[in-house]
N, C-alpha and C. Protein backbone atom coordinates (compact mmCIF):
# COMPACT_ATOMS: atom_id res chain seq x y z
N MET A 1 -13.28 45.44 79.99
CA MET A 1 -13.12 45.68 78.96
C MET A 1 -12.01 45.30 78.48
N ASN A 2 -11.66 45.19 78.93
CA ASN A 2 -10.08 43.99 78.32
C ASN A 2 -10.01 42.88 78.40
N TYR A 3 -11.22 42.53 78.96
CA TYR A 3 -11.46 40.94 78.20
C TYR A 3 -11.97 40.66 77.42
N ILE A 4 -12.99 41.89 77.12
CA ILE A 4 -13.32 41.70 75.31
C ILE A 4 -12.68 42.33 74.66
N ASN A 5 -11.69 43.27 74.33
CA ASN A 5 -10.06 43.30 73.30
C ASN A 5 -9.67 41.79 73.24
N LEU A 6 -9.61 41.82 74.36
CA LEU A 6 -8.88 39.38 74.36
C LEU A 6 -9.33 39.14 73.82
N VAL A 7 -11.06 38.73 73.77
CA VAL A 7 -11.96 37.76 73.17
C VAL A 7 -11.70 38.58 71.84
N ASP A 8 -12.05 39.72 72.18
CA ASP A 8 -12.01 39.91 70.47
C ASP A 8 -11.25 39.88 69.56
N ASP A 9 -9.16 40.22 69.77
CA ASP A 9 -8.00 39.89 69.52
C ASP A 9 -8.21 38.43 69.36
N TYR A 10 -9.03 37.64 70.21
CA TYR A 10 -8.70 36.00 70.00
C TYR A 10 -9.56 35.76 68.19
N PHE A 11 -10.83 36.48 68.62
CA PHE A 11 -11.73 36.17 66.90
C PHE A 11 -10.54 36.36 65.50
N LYS A 12 -10.21 37.67 65.87
CA LYS A 12 -9.67 38.35 64.53
C LYS A 12 -8.31 37.23 64.62
N ALA A 13 -7.53 37.46 65.64
CA ALA A 13 -6.10 36.03 64.80
C ALA A 13 -7.24 35.30 64.64
N SER A 14 -8.08 34.54 65.15
CA SER A 14 -8.53 32.89 64.47
C SER A 14 -9.18 33.29 63.55
N GLU A 15 -10.10 34.30 63.58
CA GLU A 15 -10.22 34.03 61.88
C GLU A 15 -9.38 34.91 60.89
N LYS A 16 -8.75 35.65 61.20
CA LYS A 16 -7.08 35.55 60.59
C LYS A 16 -6.18 34.26 59.90
N GLU A 17 -6.26 33.65 60.74
CA GLU A 17 -6.03 32.36 60.82
C GLU A 17 -6.81 31.23 59.90
N THR A 18 -7.88 31.33 59.80
CA THR A 18 -9.32 30.77 59.15
C THR A 18 -8.59 31.09 57.67
N ASN A 19 -8.62 33.02 57.57
CA ASN A 19 -8.37 32.89 56.58
C ASN A 19 -6.96 32.62 55.88
N ASP A 20 -6.20 32.66 56.51
CA ASP A 20 -4.43 32.48 55.89
C ASP A 20 -4.93 30.36 55.18
N ILE A 21 -5.30 29.37 56.21
CA ILE A 21 -5.44 28.24 55.84
C ILE A 21 -6.38 28.54 54.41
N LYS A 22 -7.67 29.10 54.80
CA LYS A 22 -8.29 29.08 53.50
C LYS A 22 -7.86 29.60 52.10
N ILE A 23 -6.62 29.95 52.37
CA ILE A 23 -5.75 30.83 50.54
C ILE A 23 -4.90 30.17 51.25
N ASP A 24 -4.84 29.67 51.75
CA ASP A 24 -3.51 28.29 51.31
C ASP A 24 -4.13 27.02 50.83
N SER A 25 -5.56 26.57 51.09
CA SER A 25 -6.04 26.05 50.69
C SER A 25 -6.29 26.09 48.87
N LEU A 26 -6.87 27.02 48.80
CA LEU A 26 -7.37 28.40 47.73
C LEU A 26 -6.27 28.22 46.88
N GLU A 27 -4.71 28.27 47.42
CA GLU A 27 -3.21 28.89 46.38
C GLU A 27 -2.69 26.98 46.08
N ASP A 28 -3.44 25.91 47.21
CA ASP A 28 -3.06 24.26 46.55
C ASP A 28 -4.17 24.22 45.34
N GLU A 29 -5.14 24.67 45.65
CA GLU A 29 -6.38 23.94 44.70
C GLU A 29 -5.83 24.60 43.26
N ILE A 30 -5.32 25.79 42.82
CA ILE A 30 -5.20 26.36 42.24
C ILE A 30 -3.52 25.64 40.97
N TYR A 31 -2.72 25.74 42.32
CA TYR A 31 -1.40 24.98 42.00
C TYR A 31 -1.78 23.24 41.33
N ARG A 32 -2.45 22.57 42.00
CA ARG A 32 -3.54 21.00 41.44
C ARG A 32 -3.82 21.45 40.54
N LEU A 33 -4.83 22.40 39.91
CA LEU A 33 -5.51 23.16 39.09
C LEU A 33 -4.36 23.11 37.39
N LYS A 34 -3.69 23.95 38.04
CA LYS A 34 -2.16 24.61 37.25
C LYS A 34 -1.39 23.23 37.07
N CYS A 35 -1.17 22.25 37.13
CA CYS A 35 -0.85 20.99 37.02
C CYS A 35 -1.37 19.96 36.22
N GLU A 36 -3.17 19.75 36.67
CA GLU A 36 -4.08 18.96 35.45
C GLU A 36 -3.92 19.86 34.63
N LEU A 37 -3.51 21.65 34.42
CA LEU A 37 -3.72 22.29 32.80
C LEU A 37 -2.47 21.35 32.16
N VAL A 38 -1.87 21.61 32.86
CA VAL A 38 -0.18 21.32 32.04
C VAL A 38 -0.26 19.55 31.72
N ASP A 39 -0.88 18.93 32.19
CA ASP A 39 -0.71 17.36 32.03
C ASP A 39 -2.15 17.67 31.04
N LYS A 40 -2.51 18.20 30.76
CA LYS A 40 -4.13 17.99 29.76
C LYS A 40 -3.30 18.96 28.34
N GLU A 41 -2.25 19.40 28.80
CA GLU A 41 -2.00 20.07 27.77
C GLU A 41 -1.07 19.21 27.15
N LEU A 42 0.19 18.61 28.20
CA LEU A 42 0.91 17.29 27.49
C LEU A 42 -0.09 16.15 26.60
N GLU A 43 -1.30 15.83 27.21
CA GLU A 43 -1.77 15.11 26.58
C GLU A 43 -2.78 15.17 25.41
N LYS A 44 -3.17 16.19 25.54
CA LYS A 44 -3.06 16.94 23.66
C LYS A 44 -2.28 17.44 22.49
N GLU A 45 -0.67 17.84 23.45
CA GLU A 45 -0.04 17.31 22.56
C GLU A 45 0.86 16.16 21.75
N ASP A 46 0.62 15.08 22.64
CA ASP A 46 0.63 13.76 22.43
C ASP A 46 -0.28 12.58 21.53
N LEU A 47 -1.21 13.72 22.25
CA LEU A 47 -2.66 13.01 20.91
C LEU A 47 -2.73 14.11 19.39
N GLU A 48 -2.26 15.23 19.27
CA GLU A 48 -1.47 15.79 18.49
C GLU A 48 -0.94 15.15 17.36
N TYR A 49 0.34 15.36 18.15
CA TYR A 49 1.32 14.01 17.49
C TYR A 49 1.56 12.56 17.15
N LEU A 50 0.08 11.93 17.92
CA LEU A 50 -0.43 10.68 17.26
C LEU A 50 -1.26 10.36 16.03
N VAL A 51 -1.91 11.88 16.29
CA VAL A 51 -2.89 12.09 14.69
C VAL A 51 -2.45 12.26 13.49
N LYS A 52 -0.90 13.09 13.76
CA LYS A 52 -0.04 13.93 12.75
C LYS A 52 0.34 12.19 12.29
N LYS A 53 1.07 11.48 12.95
CA LYS A 53 1.66 10.30 12.29
C LYS A 53 0.65 9.06 11.99
N GLN A 54 -0.73 9.40 11.88
CA GLN A 54 -1.61 8.62 11.66
C GLN A 54 -1.92 9.06 10.67
N LYS A 55 -2.16 10.72 10.29
CA LYS A 55 -2.44 10.78 8.94
C LYS A 55 -1.01 10.78 7.93
N GLU A 56 -0.19 11.26 8.39
CA GLU A 56 0.99 9.97 7.74
C GLU A 56 1.19 9.20 7.34
N GLU A 57 1.03 7.98 7.87
CA GLU A 57 1.11 6.73 7.81
C GLU A 57 -0.57 6.09 6.50
N ILE A 58 -1.69 6.97 6.52
CA ILE A 58 -2.47 6.52 5.99
C ILE A 58 -2.15 7.28 4.46
N ALA A 59 -1.26 8.66 4.58
CA ALA A 59 -0.99 9.04 3.19
C ALA A 59 0.16 7.87 2.50
N LYS A 60 1.03 7.11 3.54
CA LYS A 60 1.56 6.25 2.83
C LYS A 60 0.80 5.46 1.96
N LYS A 61 0.12 5.11 3.14
CA LYS A 61 -0.74 3.80 2.50
C LYS A 61 -1.34 3.88 1.41
N GLU A 62 -2.12 5.22 1.33
CA GLU A 62 -3.23 5.48 -0.18
C GLU A 62 -2.34 5.82 -1.33
N ASP A 63 -0.68 6.34 -1.10
CA ASP A 63 0.34 6.27 -1.85
C ASP A 63 0.61 5.02 -2.75
N LEU A 64 0.66 3.88 -1.67
CA LEU A 64 1.28 2.67 -2.19
C LEU A 64 -0.04 2.35 -2.64
N GLU A 65 -1.15 2.07 -2.71
CA GLU A 65 -2.40 1.82 -3.16
C GLU A 65 -2.19 1.94 -4.42
N GLU A 66 -1.84 3.13 -4.12
CA GLU A 66 -1.95 4.38 -6.29
C GLU A 66 -1.33 3.24 -6.77
N ARG A 67 -0.17 3.20 -6.23
CA ARG A 67 1.77 2.92 -6.85
C ARG A 67 0.83 1.43 -7.18
N LEU A 68 0.12 0.75 -6.21
CA LEU A 68 0.26 -0.87 -6.51
C LEU A 68 -1.40 -1.02 -8.06
N LYS A 69 -2.36 0.24 -8.14
CA LYS A 69 -3.22 0.10 -8.42
C LYS A 69 -2.52 0.15 -10.06
N ALA A 70 -1.49 1.41 -9.80
CA ALA A 70 -0.71 1.31 -11.80
C ALA A 70 -0.13 0.40 -11.52
N PHE A 71 0.34 -0.39 -10.81
CA PHE A 71 1.70 -1.36 -11.28
C PHE A 71 0.81 -2.72 -11.86
N THR A 72 -0.66 -2.99 -11.26
CA THR A 72 -0.62 -4.20 -11.68
C THR A 72 -1.43 -3.76 -13.08
N ILE A 73 -2.29 -2.44 -13.21
CA ILE A 73 -2.60 -1.75 -15.35
C ILE A 73 -1.72 -2.39 -15.73
N LYS A 74 -0.54 -1.76 -15.38
CA LYS A 74 1.04 -2.01 -16.31
C LYS A 74 1.25 -3.29 -16.48
N PHE A 75 0.95 -3.87 -15.33
CA PHE A 75 0.89 -5.49 -15.08
C PHE A 75 0.28 -6.63 -15.93
N LYS A 76 -1.00 -5.98 -16.10
CA LYS A 76 -1.37 -6.88 -17.15
C LYS A 76 -1.39 -6.46 -18.55
N GLU A 77 -1.11 -5.07 -19.05
CA GLU A 77 -1.02 -4.74 -20.19
C GLU A 77 -0.44 -5.39 -20.45
N LYS A 78 1.29 -5.23 -20.02
CA LYS A 78 2.41 -6.48 -20.15
C LYS A 78 1.87 -7.79 -20.14
N GLU A 79 0.62 -8.28 -19.52
CA GLU A 79 0.35 -10.14 -19.90
C GLU A 79 -0.26 -9.80 -21.26
N GLU A 80 -0.86 -8.82 -21.13
CA GLU A 80 -2.33 -8.89 -22.34
C GLU A 80 -0.94 -8.56 -23.59
N GLU A 81 0.13 -7.71 -24.02
CA GLU A 81 0.95 -8.01 -24.85
C GLU A 81 1.58 -9.39 -24.61
N LEU A 82 2.34 -10.27 -24.26
CA LEU A 82 3.50 -11.12 -23.76
C LEU A 82 1.85 -11.70 -24.15
N ALA A 83 1.00 -12.08 -24.02
CA ALA A 83 -0.26 -13.15 -24.60
C ALA A 83 -0.76 -12.91 -26.31
N SER A 84 -0.62 -11.61 -26.67
CA SER A 84 -0.40 -11.87 -27.87
C SER A 84 0.85 -11.84 -28.66
N LYS A 85 1.43 -11.62 -28.30
CA LYS A 85 2.94 -12.64 -28.75
C LYS A 85 3.38 -13.97 -28.84
N ASN A 86 2.64 -14.41 -27.71
CA ASN A 86 2.56 -16.09 -27.84
C ASN A 86 1.84 -16.60 -28.99
N GLN A 87 0.78 -15.54 -28.83
CA GLN A 87 -0.64 -16.02 -29.81
C GLN A 87 0.24 -16.11 -31.11
N LYS A 88 1.27 -14.88 -31.39
CA LYS A 88 1.22 -15.18 -32.93
C LYS A 88 2.42 -15.96 -33.05
N ILE A 89 3.11 -16.18 -31.98
CA ILE A 89 4.33 -17.27 -31.83
C ILE A 89 3.50 -18.51 -32.31
N GLU A 90 2.93 -19.11 -31.42
CA GLU A 90 1.98 -20.13 -31.29
C GLU A 90 1.90 -20.43 -33.04
N LEU A 91 0.84 -18.94 -34.02
CA LEU A 91 0.58 -19.06 -35.33
C LEU A 91 1.82 -19.80 -36.12
N GLN A 92 3.04 -18.93 -35.67
CA GLN A 92 4.18 -19.54 -36.81
C GLN A 92 4.06 -20.77 -36.69
N CYS A 93 4.67 -21.06 -35.60
CA CYS A 93 4.63 -22.73 -35.13
C CYS A 93 3.68 -23.20 -36.14
N ASN A 94 2.69 -22.93 -35.89
CA ASN A 94 1.91 -24.08 -36.86
C ASN A 94 1.99 -23.62 -38.10
N LEU A 95 2.32 -22.55 -38.31
CA LEU A 95 2.51 -22.49 -40.22
C LEU A 95 3.42 -22.80 -40.38
N LEU A 96 4.67 -22.93 -39.80
CA LEU A 96 6.05 -23.28 -39.85
C LEU A 96 5.40 -25.38 -40.12
N GLU A 97 4.70 -25.47 -39.02
CA GLU A 97 4.69 -27.23 -38.66
C GLU A 97 4.03 -27.65 -40.22
N GLU A 98 2.65 -26.71 -41.25
CA GLU A 98 1.96 -27.16 -41.57
C GLU A 98 3.37 -27.24 -43.14
N SER A 99 4.28 -25.85 -43.10
CA SER A 99 4.74 -25.42 -44.67
C SER A 99 5.54 -26.81 -44.44
N GLU A 100 6.75 -27.82 -42.76
CA GLU A 100 6.61 -28.55 -43.45
C GLU A 100 6.94 -29.47 -44.09
N GLU A 101 5.21 -29.84 -42.97
CA GLU A 101 4.53 -31.35 -43.65
C GLU A 101 4.52 -30.80 -45.28
N GLU A 102 3.77 -29.18 -45.67
CA GLU A 102 3.69 -29.27 -47.22
C GLU A 102 5.12 -29.98 -47.39
N GLN A 103 5.76 -29.20 -47.53
CA GLN A 103 7.29 -29.51 -47.55
C GLN A 103 7.50 -31.12 -48.60
N LEU A 104 7.15 -31.72 -47.09
CA LEU A 104 7.28 -33.22 -46.75
C LEU A 104 7.06 -33.87 -47.94
N ARG A 105 5.29 -33.24 -47.90
CA ARG A 105 4.46 -34.41 -48.94
C ARG A 105 5.02 -34.24 -50.75
N LEU A 106 5.53 -32.79 -50.41
CA LEU A 106 5.52 -32.02 -51.88
C LEU A 106 7.26 -33.12 -52.73
N MET A 107 7.90 -33.55 -51.59
CA MET A 107 8.77 -34.28 -51.52
C MET A 107 8.86 -35.70 -51.81
N GLU A 108 7.68 -36.28 -51.06
CA GLU A 108 7.87 -37.52 -51.81
C GLU A 108 6.96 -37.79 -53.24
N GLU A 109 6.18 -36.23 -52.91
CA GLU A 109 5.44 -36.38 -54.79
C GLU A 109 6.60 -36.08 -55.40
N ASN A 110 7.35 -35.51 -55.48
CA ASN A 110 8.37 -35.70 -55.88
C ASN A 110 9.22 -36.74 -56.32
N GLU A 111 9.75 -37.21 -55.37
CA GLU A 111 10.28 -38.61 -55.44
C GLU A 111 9.39 -39.66 -55.90
N GLU A 112 7.84 -39.51 -56.14
CA GLU A 112 6.68 -40.36 -56.86
C GLU A 112 6.88 -40.63 -57.81
N LEU A 113 6.86 -38.65 -58.44
CA LEU A 113 7.43 -38.71 -60.29
C LEU A 113 8.11 -39.07 -60.48
N LYS A 114 9.24 -38.33 -60.04
CA LYS A 114 11.16 -39.35 -60.12
C LYS A 114 10.83 -40.44 -60.63
N LYS A 115 10.23 -41.10 -60.30
CA LYS A 115 10.17 -42.44 -60.05
C LYS A 115 9.45 -43.06 -61.41
N GLN A 116 7.84 -42.59 -61.62
CA GLN A 116 7.67 -43.03 -62.85
C GLN A 116 8.20 -42.56 -64.04
N LEU A 117 8.98 -41.16 -64.02
CA LEU A 117 9.61 -40.05 -64.91
C LEU A 117 10.79 -41.46 -65.40
N GLU A 118 11.09 -42.34 -64.33
CA GLU A 118 12.28 -42.79 -64.47
C GLU A 118 11.42 -44.36 -65.68
N ARG A 119 10.73 -44.86 -65.51
CA ARG A 119 9.41 -45.95 -65.50
C ARG A 119 9.13 -45.36 -66.87
N VAL A 120 8.89 -44.26 -67.02
CA VAL A 120 8.50 -43.68 -68.14
C VAL A 120 9.84 -43.79 -69.20
N GLN A 121 10.46 -43.71 -68.91
CA GLN A 121 12.24 -43.61 -69.63
C GLN A 121 12.53 -44.77 -69.63
N ASN A 122 12.49 -45.75 -68.74
CA ASN A 122 12.95 -47.05 -69.31
C ASN A 122 12.05 -47.72 -69.80
N ALA A 123 10.88 -46.94 -69.88
CA ALA A 123 9.50 -47.84 -71.06
C ALA A 123 10.58 -47.43 -72.58
N VAL A 124 10.46 -46.11 -72.10
CA VAL A 124 10.87 -45.29 -74.30
C VAL A 124 11.80 -46.31 -74.24
N SER A 125 12.83 -46.01 -73.56
CA SER A 125 14.31 -46.95 -74.19
C SER A 125 14.10 -48.28 -74.04
N VAL A 126 13.02 -48.52 -73.95
CA VAL A 126 12.81 -50.66 -73.65
C VAL A 126 12.26 -50.68 -75.55
N SER A 127 11.13 -49.61 -75.52
CA SER A 127 10.34 -50.12 -77.07
C SER A 127 11.73 -49.24 -77.87
């Protein structure tokens, strides 16, 4: 009977050792899974940060695009305004040139009339 107790004790000790090994293995697996979970959480935080930064960049880009559109519209309005003013100035210059040409023509006509008047006065005084 003593032998049976020894064998029984041996199997119990062996079974306890196997269970201890299984427990250690399971604890190692739990630790590994916890580390993996922490890594995934850190990765998630990194991705959330990157998404936040991308959203901020997209918002900045959209803001810049809107500001560029507004600037382009104002620029075109000013360009049209300047073109209109330029057209008015060109028209005034043309009118001024025509006026100067008319003034020269009238001065030449006046000189011609003065000469004719002088001839008539000379003809009258001679007669």
